[in-house]
Structures are given as C-alpha cells and as structure tokens.
C-alpha cells in the first residue's frame, strides 16, 4: 500500500506535489506506529476533558508527525487533535498562511475496540483552505490522497477517483454517521425525513463515508459536532474527485463545526433537506 502511494506519479505536476509527497511519507510513519499498537494488550487508554478517549497510539503518532514537520517545514504552523486538547492551541485560519492539521487516529473508539475503521488524517491548509489531504487506514490496507489541482487517488485504484452521477435524492445512498450527533444538534426530524426520501441509508462512520463519496459509492454524507482536524484531510480528496464539501448549513470550509459532502449534483438539495425550520 505505502510503496505504491509514495512512488506514484499521480498528481506529480500539481502545485502542492512536494507537500503531498511529504504528507504521504508522514502517513508511512504514522502507520508504523498505529499498526504496532492496534489490538495491543497493553494499550493505554484515558479520557480527555471532553470525555472522548485517547490512546498512547494517538499521542505517539501526533508527537512524531509534529516533530517531523518542525524539522522539514519549520515555518509552517501545526494543529493536531491531541495538541489542541493538551495545550488549548487553536486553529487560526485568519492569521496562519500555511498550517498542517492532523488527526493522529480518526476513529479512536474503533481503534481501542479492535474495529479496523480508523485512519490517520494529514492535511495542509493554506490561508484557511485545505489544499493537501491524506487519509491512511492501515488496518483496512487502504490509503486515499488528493491535492489542489492534482486529483484524488486511492492506493487500490489505477485511475483518479470520481464521485457518482446520481442526480436525485430518491436514487441516492446516504451515510449519516452517528445518530446521536444529529439528536444533539436538534436535526433528528430533518435526518429522518431525508432518510425516508433517499434510496438507501447506512452509517459507516468517521472518515470512511467521505472516502466512499469520493469513490462514487456513496452520494451524500455528513455530520454535526466536528472539529477542523476531523475534516481538513477529507476536503481535497472529495473536491478533487468532483464532489462538494461544506458545513451542514452549506457554509464553505472546515470552520463551522459540521460537514456535508456530496457528489455535487445533490449538494443544494441535501443542504435544503437539513435546513432548520
């Protein structure tokens, strides 16, 4: 998986080719650590202040990536999930030109329970907009990546990723991630109404449904209650595959606390479906 990703010429002429190559190399480093600790009998698990879990693997992956970036990109800012939790470091899109945003293990709950749907998310954000994204899921044996102007790719695909061409919600496949997030956001009625409209619903969870949108297997996905590190790496992959990414309310970018990704053709209809009364 990693050799084909790192050696692939895909997107080599893109404006951020060097940054993408670095992000892929960082993903190799992350995978080596996370796979070693996955299903480890002595995995150390604690609760953060927000009552979410963190493992020694989360912390070690982030330390390694932060140290590597400080060495090779000393002028770039860094924002990681565990750094933010421990130090209260904010993402600062208004005053930061280049910022690496990292979620060391997206899907920590899956990771600690032995469910293979988890990944390291690595993104470069320039002037507030994600321009490079790598999603590496070693327990699944898969990796996805994309960069602005360079296309979107996956480790098991020979061609660029492309979203679906489904044009109506009645024919769409919807992944809504976790139901509790919609309940907490007060949009249960909107979600249930949309679920009754579309062809098919599933809750794949975490990073995976966004990658399925990029692959054309899912047409609409989204969720409230997210942080920038949950979303940044997903954006270049979805958009370079031809899709659209916004908040659930249709606001562009990763700074509004929620995500909605579609094949583009269904985006306005999905935003309307989730609108508050």
Foldseek 3Di string as FASTA:
>chain_A
DLVCLLPPCQLVPPPCNVVQNVVSVLQVVLCVQLVVLQVDPPWAWDAAPVRDIDTPSQVVSVVVSVVVCCVVPVVAAEAEDVCCRVPVDDDDLQPGAKYKYKRSKWPVVCRVVNNQPIWIWIFIAGSQATFKIKTGRVSVPKIKIFGVVRAIDMSPDPDGFAAAPDQDQQAFEEAEADQVQCVVVVQNVLVVVSCVRHNYYDHPHQLPVLLCRRNHNGFKYKGFQDALSSPRNSQRSLVSNQKAKAALQRHDHGHPGMIMIGNNSCNVVSSVSRDDD
